[in-house]
Amino acid sequence: AGWDLVEVVLEEFESRMREAMNEPMEDKVKSELNWTIHRLHYEKNRRIFDMRYREGTISPQMLEYLRDTKIVDGPLIAKWR
C-alpha cells in the first residue's frame, strides 16, 4: 500500500504549507501572495506522482484513494501521465 511513506510526505508538505500561510505578507506584491502556496501544491502532487510512477513505492489503489479523498489533485497528476 505505502501509506507510511505517503503520510511522511503529506506531513512534511502540511508543515511547509502552514509556514507559508503564516508568512508576513506586507512586503509582497498581490501576485506574490499565493505563489508559495501554489508551488507547494504542485510539489506535493509531483512528489506523490513520482512515488507512484517513477519509484513504484505506492500502489495504484493508494493513489486512487488519495485522489478520491482529494488529498492530491487528480487532474494535475493526470496531466503528467
PDB file of N, CA and C in Angstrom:
ATOM      1  N   ALA A   1       0.837  -1.195   0.000  1.00  0.00           N
ATOM      2  CA  ALA A   1       0.000   0.000   0.000  1.00  0.00           C
ATOM      3  C   ALA A   1       0.873   1.247   0.000  1.00  0.00           C
ATOM      4  N   GLY A   2       1.658   1.467   1.054  1.00  0.00           N
ATOM      5  CA  GLY A   2       2.550   2.607   1.084  1.00  0.00           C
ATOM      6  C   GLY A   2       2.062   3.790   1.893  1.00  0.00           C
ATOM      7  N   TRP A   3       1.049   3.604   2.741  1.00  0.00           N
ATOM      8  CA  TRP A   3       0.522   4.741   3.498  1.00  0.00           C
ATOM      9  C   TRP A   3       1.585   5.371   4.389  1.00  0.00           C
ATOM     10  N   ASP A   4       2.459   4.547   4.973  1.00  0.00           N
ATOM     11  CA  ASP A   4       3.506   5.082   5.852  1.00  0.00           C
ATOM     12  C   ASP A   4       4.399   6.068   5.106  1.00  0.00           C
ATOM     13  N   LEU A   5       4.744   5.738   3.872  1.00  0.00           N
ATOM     14  CA  LEU A   5       5.581   6.626   3.049  1.00  0.00           C
ATOM     15  C   LEU A   5       4.835   7.899   2.677  1.00  0.00           C
ATOM     16  N   VAL A   6       3.575   7.744   2.307  1.00  0.00           N
ATOM     17  CA  VAL A   6       2.757   8.888   1.901  1.00  0.00           C
ATOM     18  C   VAL A   6       2.512   9.810   3.083  1.00  0.00           C
ATOM     19  N   GLU A   7       2.275   9.231   4.241  1.00  0.00           N
ATOM     20  CA  GLU A   7       1.985  10.031   5.435  1.00  0.00           C
ATOM     21  C   GLU A   7       3.144  10.963   5.778  1.00  0.00           C
ATOM     22  N   VAL A   8       4.359  10.463   5.655  1.00  0.00           N
ATOM     23  CA  VAL A   8       5.543  11.283   5.933  1.00  0.00           C
ATOM     24  C   VAL A   8       5.604  12.468   4.964  1.00  0.00           C
ATOM     25  N   VAL A   9       5.361  12.207   3.693  1.00  0.00           N
ATOM     26  CA  VAL A   9       5.391  13.259   2.675  1.00  0.00           C
ATOM     27  C   VAL A   9       4.287  14.285   2.932  1.00  0.00           C
ATOM     28  N   LEU A  10       3.095  13.815   3.237  1.00  0.00           N
ATOM     29  CA  LEU A  10       1.973  14.723   3.470  1.00  0.00           C
ATOM     30  C   LEU A  10       2.206  15.591   4.701  1.00  0.00           C
ATOM     31  N   GLU A  11       2.766  15.015   5.750  1.00  0.00           N
ATOM     32  CA  GLU A  11       3.048  15.799   6.955  1.00  0.00           C
ATOM     33  C   GLU A  11       4.102  16.867   6.683  1.00  0.00           C
ATOM     34  N   GLU A  12       5.105  16.519   5.887  1.00  0.00           N
ATOM     35  CA  GLU A  12       6.137  17.490   5.535  1.00  0.00           C
ATOM     36  C   GLU A  12       5.538  18.668   4.773  1.00  0.00           C
ATOM     37  N   PHE A  13       4.726  18.373   3.767  1.00  0.00           N
ATOM     38  CA  PHE A  13       4.133  19.440   2.979  1.00  0.00           C
ATOM     39  C   PHE A  13       3.096  20.233   3.776  1.00  0.00           C
ATOM     40  N   GLU A  14       2.390  19.580   4.680  1.00  0.00           N
ATOM     41  CA  GLU A  14       1.437  20.281   5.536  1.00  0.00           C
ATOM     42  C   GLU A  14       2.162  21.289   6.430  1.00  0.00           C
ATOM     43  N   SER A  15       3.302  20.879   6.955  1.00  0.00           N
ATOM     44  CA  SER A  15       4.107  21.777   7.781  1.00  0.00           C
ATOM     45  C   SER A  15       4.610  22.972   6.967  1.00  0.00           C
ATOM     46  N   ARG A  16       5.103  22.693   5.769  1.00  0.00           N
ATOM     47  CA  ARG A  16       5.583  23.779   4.904  1.00  0.00           C
ATOM     48  C   ARG A  16       4.441  24.711   4.497  1.00  0.00           C
ATOM     49  N   MET A  17       3.256  24.161   4.294  1.00  0.00           N
ATOM     50  CA  MET A  17       2.090  24.972   3.924  1.00  0.00           C
ATOM     51  C   MET A  17       1.706  25.898   5.076  1.00  0.00           C
ATOM     52  N   ARG A  18       1.743  25.371   6.315  1.00  0.00           N
ATOM     53  CA  ARG A  18       1.443  26.208   7.477  1.00  0.00           C
ATOM     54  C   ARG A  18       2.430  27.363   7.592  1.00  0.00           C
ATOM     55  N   GLU A  19       3.701  27.072   7.360  1.00  0.00           N
ATOM     56  CA  GLU A  19       4.724  28.124   7.393  1.00  0.00           C
ATOM     57  C   GLU A  19       4.435  29.191   6.339  1.00  0.00           C
ATOM     58  N   ALA A  20       4.042  28.762   5.148  1.00  0.00           N
ATOM     59  CA  ALA A  20       3.739  29.704   4.065  1.00  0.00           C
ATOM     60  C   ALA A  20       2.520  30.562   4.407  1.00  0.00           C
ATOM     61  N   MET A  21       1.534  29.966   5.057  1.00  0.00           N
ATOM     62  CA  MET A  21       0.333  30.712   5.418  1.00  0.00           C
ATOM     63  C   MET A  21       0.619  31.752   6.501  1.00  0.00           C
ATOM     64  N   ASN A  22       1.572  31.457   7.376  1.00  0.00           N
ATOM     65  CA  ASN A  22       1.895  32.361   8.481  1.00  0.00           C
ATOM     66  C   ASN A  22       2.971  33.384   8.132  1.00  0.00           C
ATOM     67  N   GLU A  23       3.463  33.313   6.915  1.00  0.00           N
ATOM     68  CA  GLU A  23       4.499  34.237   6.466  1.00  0.00           C
ATOM     69  C   GLU A  23       3.945  35.667   6.393  1.00  0.00           C
ATOM     70  N   PRO A  24       4.723  36.657   6.822  1.00  0.00           N
ATOM     71  CA  PRO A  24       4.230  38.045   6.710  1.00  0.00           C
ATOM     72  C   PRO A  24       4.067  38.443   5.238  1.00  0.00           C
ATOM     73  N   MET A  25       2.982  39.125   4.922  1.00  0.00           N
ATOM     74  CA  MET A  25       2.666  39.436   3.535  1.00  0.00           C
ATOM     75  C   MET A  25       2.684  40.922   3.225  1.00  0.00           C
ATOM     76  N   GLU A  26       3.140  41.726   4.143  1.00  0.00           N
ATOM     77  CA  GLU A  26       3.105  43.175   3.935  1.00  0.00           C
ATOM     78  C   GLU A  26       3.992  43.632   2.782  1.00  0.00           C
ATOM     79  N   ASP A  27       5.145  42.994   2.619  1.00  0.00           N
ATOM     80  CA  ASP A  27       6.110  43.438   1.619  1.00  0.00           C
ATOM     81  C   ASP A  27       5.915  42.802   0.248  1.00  0.00           C
ATOM     82  N   LYS A  28       4.863  42.033   0.076  1.00  0.00           N
ATOM     83  CA  LYS A  28       4.690  41.302  -1.176  1.00  0.00           C
ATOM     84  C   LYS A  28       3.691  41.980  -2.101  1.00  0.00           C
ATOM     85  N   VAL A  29       3.929  41.793  -3.382  1.00  0.00           N
ATOM     86  CA  VAL A  29       3.010  42.266  -4.412  1.00  0.00           C
ATOM     87  C   VAL A  29       1.830  41.291  -4.456  1.00  0.00           C
ATOM     88  N   LYS A  30       0.709  41.739  -4.940  1.00  0.00           N
ATOM     89  CA  LYS A  30      -0.503  40.914  -4.964  1.00  0.00           C
ATOM     90  C   LYS A  30      -0.264  39.556  -5.640  1.00  0.00           C
ATOM     91  N   SER A  31       0.484  39.556  -6.734  1.00  0.00           N
ATOM     92  CA  SER A  31       0.716  38.304  -7.456  1.00  0.00           C
ATOM     93  C   SER A  31       1.631  37.343  -6.688  1.00  0.00           C
ATOM     94  N   GLU A  32       2.399  37.850  -5.740  1.00  0.00           N
ATOM     95  CA  GLU A  32       3.307  37.001  -4.969  1.00  0.00           C
ATOM     96  C   GLU A  32       2.622  36.328  -3.787  1.00  0.00           C
ATOM     97  N   LEU A  33       1.451  36.785  -3.405  1.00  0.00           N
ATOM     98  CA  LEU A  33       0.805  36.288  -2.193  1.00  0.00           C
ATOM     99  C   LEU A  33       0.542  34.787  -2.227  1.00  0.00           C
ATOM    100  N   ASN A  34       0.027  34.309  -3.327  1.00  0.00           N
ATOM    101  CA  ASN A  34      -0.350  32.897  -3.406  1.00  0.00           C
ATOM    102  C   ASN A  34       0.687  32.032  -4.100  1.00  0.00           C
ATOM    103  N   TRP A  35       1.767  32.637  -4.575  1.00  0.00           N
ATOM    104  CA  TRP A  35       2.750  31.878  -5.344  1.00  0.00           C
ATOM    105  C   TRP A  35       3.335  30.727  -4.537  1.00  0.00           C
ATOM    106  N   THR A  36       3.702  30.963  -3.298  1.00  0.00           N
ATOM    107  CA  THR A  36       4.307  29.918  -2.462  1.00  0.00           C
ATOM    108  C   THR A  36       3.332  28.766  -2.250  1.00  0.00           C
ATOM    109  N   ILE A  37       2.081  29.100  -2.037  1.00  0.00           N
ATOM    110  CA  ILE A  37       1.068  28.059  -1.813  1.00  0.00           C
ATOM    111  C   ILE A  37       0.875  27.219  -3.078  1.00  0.00           C
ATOM    112  N   HIS A  38       0.814  27.863  -4.229  1.00  0.00           N
ATOM    113  CA  HIS A  38       0.673  27.129  -5.494  1.00  0.00           C
ATOM    114  C   HIS A  38       1.890  26.244  -5.754  1.00  0.00           C
ATOM    115  N   ARG A  39       3.080  26.755  -5.453  1.00  0.00           N
ATOM    116  CA  ARG A  39       4.301  25.986  -5.655  1.00  0.00           C
ATOM    117  C   ARG A  39       4.308  24.751  -4.758  1.00  0.00           C
ATOM    118  N   LEU A  40       3.920  24.906  -3.493  1.00  0.00           N
ATOM    119  CA  LEU A  40       3.878  23.769  -2.574  1.00  0.00           C
ATOM    120  C   LEU A  40       2.834  22.737  -3.008  1.00  0.00           C
ATOM    121  N   HIS A  41       1.701  23.208  -3.496  1.00  0.00           N
ATOM    122  CA  HIS A  41       0.653  22.312  -4.005  1.00  0.00           C
ATOM    123  C   HIS A  41       1.202  21.479  -5.163  1.00  0.00           C
ATOM    124  N   TYR A  42       1.881  22.149  -6.075  1.00  0.00           N
ATOM    125  CA  TYR A  42       2.480  21.475  -7.228  1.00  0.00           C
ATOM    126  C   TYR A  42       3.530  20.465  -6.770  1.00  0.00           C
ATOM    127  N   GLU A  43       4.422  20.863  -5.864  1.00  0.00           N
ATOM    128  CA  GLU A  43       5.487  19.987  -5.395  1.00  0.00           C
ATOM    129  C   GLU A  43       4.937  18.746  -4.695  1.00  0.00           C
ATOM    130  N   LYS A  44       3.897  18.931  -3.880  1.00  0.00           N
ATOM    131  CA  LYS A  44       3.302  17.788  -3.179  1.00  0.00           C
ATOM    132  C   LYS A  44       2.740  16.786  -4.183  1.00  0.00           C
ATOM    133  N   ASN A  45       1.995  17.285  -5.154  1.00  0.00           N
ATOM    134  CA  ASN A  45       1.405  16.393  -6.141  1.00  0.00           C
ATOM    135  C   ASN A  45       2.468  15.726  -7.003  1.00  0.00           C
ATOM    136  N   ARG A  46       3.526  16.456  -7.337  1.00  0.00           N
ATOM    137  CA  ARG A  46       4.608  15.883  -8.130  1.00  0.00           C
ATOM    138  C   ARG A  46       5.327  14.793  -7.345  1.00  0.00           C
ATOM    139  N   ARG A  47       5.505  15.002  -6.047  1.00  0.00           N
ATOM    140  CA  ARG A  47       6.169  14.001  -5.208  1.00  0.00           C
ATOM    141  C   ARG A  47       5.342  12.719  -5.140  1.00  0.00           C
ATOM    142  N   ILE A  48       4.036  12.848  -4.978  1.00  0.00           N
ATOM    143  CA  ILE A  48       3.162  11.667  -4.951  1.00  0.00           C
ATOM    144  C   ILE A  48       3.181  10.975  -6.310  1.00  0.00           C
ATOM    145  N   PHE A  49       3.143  11.754  -7.390  1.00  0.00           N
ATOM    146  CA  PHE A  49       3.225  11.189  -8.741  1.00  0.00           C
ATOM    147  C   PHE A  49       4.516  10.377  -8.896  1.00  0.00           C
ATOM    148  N   ASP A  50       5.637  10.959  -8.481  1.00  0.00           N
ATOM    149  CA  ASP A  50       6.923  10.263  -8.592  1.00  0.00           C
ATOM    150  C   ASP A  50       6.945   8.990  -7.753  1.00  0.00           C
ATOM    151  N   MET A  51       6.335   9.043  -6.573  1.00  0.00           N
ATOM    152  CA  MET A  51       6.288   7.852  -5.723  1.00  0.00           C
ATOM    153  C   MET A  51       5.516   6.723  -6.395  1.00  0.00           C
ATOM    154  N   ARG A  52       4.511   7.072  -7.172  1.00  0.00           N
ATOM    155  CA  ARG A  52       3.713   6.044  -7.841  1.00  0.00           C
ATOM    156  C   ARG A  52       4.329   5.587  -9.163  1.00  0.00           C
ATOM    157  N   TYR A  53       4.647   6.525 -10.040  1.00  0.00           N
ATOM    158  CA  TYR A  53       5.005   6.163 -11.403  1.00  0.00           C
ATOM    159  C   TYR A  53       6.504   6.046 -11.650  1.00  0.00           C
ATOM    160  N   ARG A  54       7.335   6.700 -10.881  1.00  0.00           N
ATOM    161  CA  ARG A  54       8.781   6.615 -11.104  1.00  0.00           C
ATOM    162  C   ARG A  54       9.440   5.635 -10.136  1.00  0.00           C
ATOM    163  N   GLU A  55       9.103   5.751  -8.860  1.00  0.00           N
ATOM    164  CA  GLU A  55       9.729   4.883  -7.856  1.00  0.00           C
ATOM    165  C   GLU A  55       8.945   3.598  -7.633  1.00  0.00           C
ATOM    166  N   GLY A  56       7.624   3.645  -7.825  1.00  0.00           N
ATOM    167  CA  GLY A  56       6.783   2.477  -7.602  1.00  0.00           C
ATOM    168  C   GLY A  56       6.614   2.125  -6.135  1.00  0.00           C
ATOM    169  N   THR A  57       6.763   3.117  -5.242  1.00  0.00           N
ATOM    170  CA  THR A  57       6.690   2.829  -3.805  1.00  0.00           C
ATOM    171  C   THR A  57       5.264   2.837  -3.263  1.00  0.00           C
ATOM    172  N   ILE A  58       4.309   3.382  -4.008  1.00  0.00           N
ATOM    173  CA  ILE A  58       2.915   3.307  -3.562  1.00  0.00           C
ATOM    174  C   ILE A  58       2.097   2.596  -4.637  1.00  0.00           C
ATOM    175  N   SER A  59       1.042   1.965  -4.210  1.00  0.00           N
ATOM    176  CA  SER A  59       0.220   1.153  -5.104  1.00  0.00           C
ATOM    177  C   SER A  59      -0.774   2.023  -5.878  1.00  0.00           C
ATOM    178  N   PRO A  60      -1.301   1.487  -6.977  1.00  0.00           N
ATOM    179  CA  PRO A  60      -2.344   2.219  -7.713  1.00  0.00           C
ATOM    180  C   PRO A  60      -3.573   2.481  -6.838  1.00  0.00           C
ATOM    181  N   GLN A  61      -3.891   1.540  -5.948  1.00  0.00           N
ATOM    182  CA  GLN A  61      -5.038   1.708  -5.064  1.00  0.00           C
ATOM    183  C   GLN A  61      -4.817   2.871  -4.098  1.00  0.00           C
ATOM    184  N   MET A  62      -3.575   3.047  -3.623  1.00  0.00           N
ATOM    185  CA  MET A  62      -3.271   4.157  -2.719  1.00  0.00           C
ATOM    186  C   MET A  62      -3.435   5.488  -3.450  1.00  0.00           C
ATOM    187  N   LEU A  63      -2.942   5.562  -4.681  1.00  0.00           N
ATOM    188  CA  LEU A  63      -3.094   6.790  -5.455  1.00  0.00           C
ATOM    189  C   LEU A  63      -4.571   7.078  -5.716  1.00  0.00           C
ATOM    190  N   GLU A  64      -5.325   6.046  -6.025  1.00  0.00           N
ATOM    191  CA  GLU A  64      -6.768   6.214  -6.247  1.00  0.00           C
ATOM    192  C   GLU A  64      -7.455   6.717  -4.975  1.00  0.00           C
ATOM    193  N   TYR A  65      -7.069   6.174  -3.820  1.00  0.00           N
ATOM    194  CA  TYR A  65      -7.624   6.629  -2.539  1.00  0.00           C
ATOM    195  C   TYR A  65      -7.294   8.108  -2.308  1.00  0.00           C
ATOM    196  N   LEU A  66      -6.045   8.484  -2.568  1.00  0.00           N
ATOM    197  CA  LEU A  66      -5.624   9.876  -2.377  1.00  0.00           C
ATOM    198  C   LEU A  66      -6.394  10.816  -3.302  1.00  0.00           C
ATOM    199  N   ARG A  67      -6.666  10.357  -4.519  1.00  0.00           N
ATOM    200  CA  ARG A  67      -7.470  11.163  -5.458  1.00  0.00           C
ATOM    201  C   ARG A  67      -8.912  11.272  -4.986  1.00  0.00           C
ATOM    202  N   ASP A  68      -9.488  10.144  -4.590  1.00  0.00           N
ATOM    203  CA  ASP A  68     -10.898  10.119  -4.174  1.00  0.00           C
ATOM    204  C   ASP A  68     -11.152  10.980  -2.947  1.00  0.00           C
ATOM    205  N   THR A  69     -10.188  11.027  -2.031  1.00  0.00           N
ATOM    206  CA  THR A  69     -10.351  11.825  -0.826  1.00  0.00           C
ATOM    207  C   THR A  69      -9.847  13.254  -1.007  1.00  0.00           C
ATOM    208  N   LYS A  70      -9.420  13.569  -2.227  1.00  0.00           N
ATOM    209  CA  LYS A  70      -8.964  14.913  -2.603  1.00  0.00           C
ATOM    210  C   LYS A  70      -7.733  15.371  -1.822  1.00  0.00           C
ATOM    211  N   ILE A  71      -6.905  14.409  -1.436  1.00  0.00           N
ATOM    212  CA  ILE A  71      -5.630  14.734  -0.802  1.00  0.00           C
ATOM    213  C   ILE A  71      -4.649  15.197  -1.872  1.00  0.00           C
ATOM    214  N   VAL A  72      -4.729  14.580  -3.045  1.00  0.00           N
ATOM    215  CA  VAL A  72      -3.917  15.012  -4.180  1.00  0.00           C
ATOM    216  C   VAL A  72      -4.839  15.514  -5.282  1.00  0.00           C
ATOM    217  N   ASP A  73      -4.280  16.274  -6.194  1.00  0.00           N
ATOM    218  CA  ASP A  73      -5.023  16.876  -7.299  1.00  0.00           C
ATOM    219  C   ASP A  73      -5.022  15.909  -8.480  1.00  0.00           C
ATOM    220  N   GLY A  74      -6.116  15.170  -8.641  1.00  0.00           N
ATOM    221  CA  GLY A  74      -6.219  14.163  -9.694  1.00  0.00           C
ATOM    222  C   GLY A  74      -5.980  14.699 -11.096  1.00  0.00           C
ATOM    223  N   PRO A  75      -6.635  15.803 -11.487  1.00  0.00           N
ATOM    224  CA  PRO A  75      -6.406  16.335 -12.836  1.00  0.00           C
ATOM    225  C   PRO A  75      -4.960  16.771 -13.082  1.00  0.00           C
ATOM    226  N   LEU A  76      -4.304  17.301 -12.077  1.00  0.00           N
ATOM    227  CA  LEU A  76      -2.910  17.694 -12.240  1.00  0.00           C
ATOM    228  C   LEU A  76      -2.029  16.482 -12.433  1.00  0.00           C
ATOM    229  N   ILE A  77      -2.233  15.449 -11.659  1.00  0.00           N
ATOM    230  CA  ILE A  77      -1.452  14.212 -11.803  1.00  0.00           C
ATOM    231  C   ILE A  77      -1.730  13.566 -13.157  1.00  0.00           C
ATOM    232  N   ALA A  78      -2.979  13.631 -13.615  1.00  0.00           N
ATOM    233  CA  ALA A  78      -3.325  13.050 -14.916  1.00  0.00           C
ATOM    234  C   ALA A  78      -2.591  13.735 -16.060  1.00  0.00           C
ATOM    235  N   LYS A  79      -2.303  15.020 -15.918  1.00  0.00           N
ATOM    236  CA  LYS A  79      -1.562  15.740 -16.965  1.00  0.00           C
ATOM    237  C   LYS A  79      -0.157  15.199 -17.137  1.00  0.00           C
ATOM    238  N   TRP A  80       0.456  14.709 -16.063  1.00  0.00           N
ATOM    239  CA  TRP A  80       1.829  14.232 -16.131  1.00  0.00           C
ATOM    240  C   TRP A  80       1.939  12.828 -16.674  1.00  0.00           C
ATOM    241  N   ARG A  81       0.858  12.085 -16.740  1.00  0.00           N
ATOM    242  CA  ARG A  81       0.916  10.691 -17.191  1.00  0.00           C
ATOM    243  C   ARG A  81       1.123  10.585 -18.650  1.00  0.00           C
TER     244      ARG A  81
END
